[in-house]
Amino acid sequence: MSGVWVFKNNGVMQLVENPGASDYAESKRGATSKRKVLVHLPSGQVVSSYSCLDQILRGLGWERYYGGDPDLYQFHKHSSIDLISLPKDFNKFNSIYMYDIVVKNPNLFHVRDM
């Protein structure tokens, strides 16, 4: 027997044999998986695209880095060794990448539930 174990909101565990089925997808959208957004604190602006993020980061001294992987959108700062690496596809921009930006720009960004 193969499948995926899914924890329901009531604490009950269930084996789902076809993870592509709607029950599994519905359980994945439950209360525990809220969509996150990156917010630029000084302006209160929600980062909704890479062009928006590019403008904010350039204003903070970050520059585009064109070396390395062509599937990444990267920024670096001359004053540090930090490198921000993001997926080229903004649809894949998730909380992991958002928190990387928060850590490398303290007190300027925040990740919030949408």
Protein backbone atom coordinates (compact mmCIF):
# COMPACT_ATOMS: atom_id res chain seq x y z
CA MET A 1 0.00 0.00 0.00
CA SER A 2 1.45 3.38 -1.02
CA GLY A 3 0.25 6.93 -0.69
CA VAL A 4 0.57 10.02 1.42
CA TRP A 5 -0.46 10.42 5.05
CA VAL A 6 -2.56 13.56 5.53
CA PHE A 7 -3.35 15.15 8.88
CA LYS A 8 -6.85 16.61 8.96
CA ASN A 9 -7.73 19.73 10.98
CA ASN A 10 -9.42 17.59 13.65
CA GLY A 11 -6.17 15.69 14.30
CA VAL A 12 -7.18 12.54 12.44
CA MET A 13 -4.61 11.01 10.11
CA GLN A 14 -5.68 9.50 6.78
CA LEU A 15 -3.79 7.65 4.05
CA VAL A 16 -4.49 9.15 0.62
CA GLU A 17 -3.56 6.70 -2.12
CA ASN A 18 -3.89 9.16 -5.00
CA PRO A 19 -2.24 12.43 -3.90
CA GLY A 20 -3.45 14.18 -7.07
CA ALA A 21 -7.06 13.76 -5.99
CA SER A 22 -9.14 16.72 -4.90
CA ASP A 23 -9.33 15.59 -1.24
CA TYR A 24 -5.55 15.78 -0.95
CA ALA A 25 -5.37 19.16 -2.69
CA GLU A 26 -8.14 20.46 -0.46
CA SER A 27 -6.36 19.32 2.69
CA LYS A 28 -3.13 20.99 1.53
CA ARG A 29 -4.97 24.33 1.29
CA GLY A 30 -6.15 23.99 4.89
CA ALA A 31 -5.54 26.38 7.75
CA THR A 32 -1.85 25.50 8.04
CA SER A 33 -0.87 26.58 4.52
CA LYS A 34 -1.57 30.30 4.24
CA ARG A 35 -0.05 32.27 1.42
CA LYS A 36 2.75 34.61 2.46
CA VAL A 37 3.61 38.06 1.10
CA LEU A 38 6.76 40.15 1.39
CA VAL A 39 6.16 43.70 2.62
CA HIS A 40 8.60 46.60 2.31
CA LEU A 41 8.12 48.24 5.72
CA PRO A 42 9.14 51.88 4.99
CA SER A 43 6.63 52.17 2.15
CA GLY A 44 4.11 49.54 3.29
CA GLN A 45 4.24 48.15 -0.25
CA VAL A 46 3.57 44.45 -0.89
CA VAL A 47 6.12 42.99 -3.30
CA SER A 48 3.96 41.74 -6.15
CA SER A 49 6.56 41.32 -8.92
CA TYR A 50 10.27 41.18 -9.53
CA SER A 51 10.19 44.64 -11.12
CA CYS A 52 8.77 45.99 -7.85
CA LEU A 53 11.39 44.10 -5.80
CA ASP A 54 14.17 45.18 -8.18
CA GLN A 55 13.28 48.84 -7.68
CA ILE A 56 13.25 48.51 -3.87
CA LEU A 57 16.50 46.52 -3.68
CA ARG A 58 18.34 48.91 -6.02
CA GLY A 59 17.30 51.76 -3.74
CA LEU A 60 18.91 49.88 -0.86
CA GLY A 61 22.22 49.48 -2.69
CA TRP A 62 21.71 46.00 -4.15
CA GLU A 63 22.80 45.39 -7.75
CA ARG A 64 21.84 42.70 -10.22
CA TYR A 65 24.38 39.89 -10.41
CA TYR A 66 24.55 38.25 -13.81
CA GLY A 67 26.97 35.41 -13.10
CA GLY A 68 26.17 31.86 -12.29
CA ASP A 69 22.90 30.07 -12.91
CA PRO A 70 20.71 31.43 -15.74
CA ASP A 71 17.60 30.12 -13.93
CA LEU A 72 18.17 32.51 -11.02
CA TYR A 73 17.52 36.20 -10.52
CA GLN A 74 20.36 37.39 -8.27
CA PHE A 75 21.39 40.52 -6.36
CA HIS A 76 24.59 41.40 -4.52
CA LYS A 77 25.90 44.32 -2.48
CA HIS A 78 29.45 45.64 -2.76
CA SER A 79 29.49 46.38 0.97
CA SER A 80 28.81 42.75 1.96
CA ILE A 81 29.36 39.15 0.93
CA ASP A 82 25.60 38.53 0.75
CA LEU A 83 23.94 37.25 -2.40
CA ILE A 84 20.18 37.05 -2.86
CA SER A 85 19.20 34.25 -5.25
CA LEU A 86 15.60 33.99 -6.45
CA PRO A 87 13.89 31.72 -8.99
CA LYS A 88 13.37 33.38 -12.40
CA ASP A 89 9.67 32.50 -12.23
CA PHE A 90 7.95 34.84 -9.73
CA ASN A 91 5.26 32.18 -9.17
CA LYS A 92 7.96 30.12 -7.41
CA PHE A 93 8.88 33.04 -5.12
CA ASN A 94 7.87 31.59 -1.74
CA SER A 95 8.45 32.28 1.95
CA ILE A 96 11.93 30.72 1.92
CA TYR A 97 13.13 33.38 -0.52
CA MET A 98 11.19 36.08 1.31
CA TYR A 99 12.87 35.27 4.62
CA ASP A 100 16.28 35.34 2.90
CA ILE A 101 15.55 38.94 1.87
CA VAL A 102 14.33 39.78 5.40
CA VAL A 103 17.52 38.42 7.00
CA LYS A 104 19.79 40.28 4.58
CA ASN A 105 17.86 43.55 4.99
CA PRO A 106 17.06 43.81 8.71
CA ASN A 107 14.16 46.08 9.71
CA LEU A 108 13.23 46.82 6.08
CA PHE A 109 11.08 43.84 5.09
CA HIS A 110 8.53 41.62 6.79
CA VAL A 111 6.78 38.40 5.74
CA ARG A 112 3.05 38.35 6.47
CA ASP A 113 0.17 35.96 5.93
CA MET A 114 -2.11 37.09 3.16
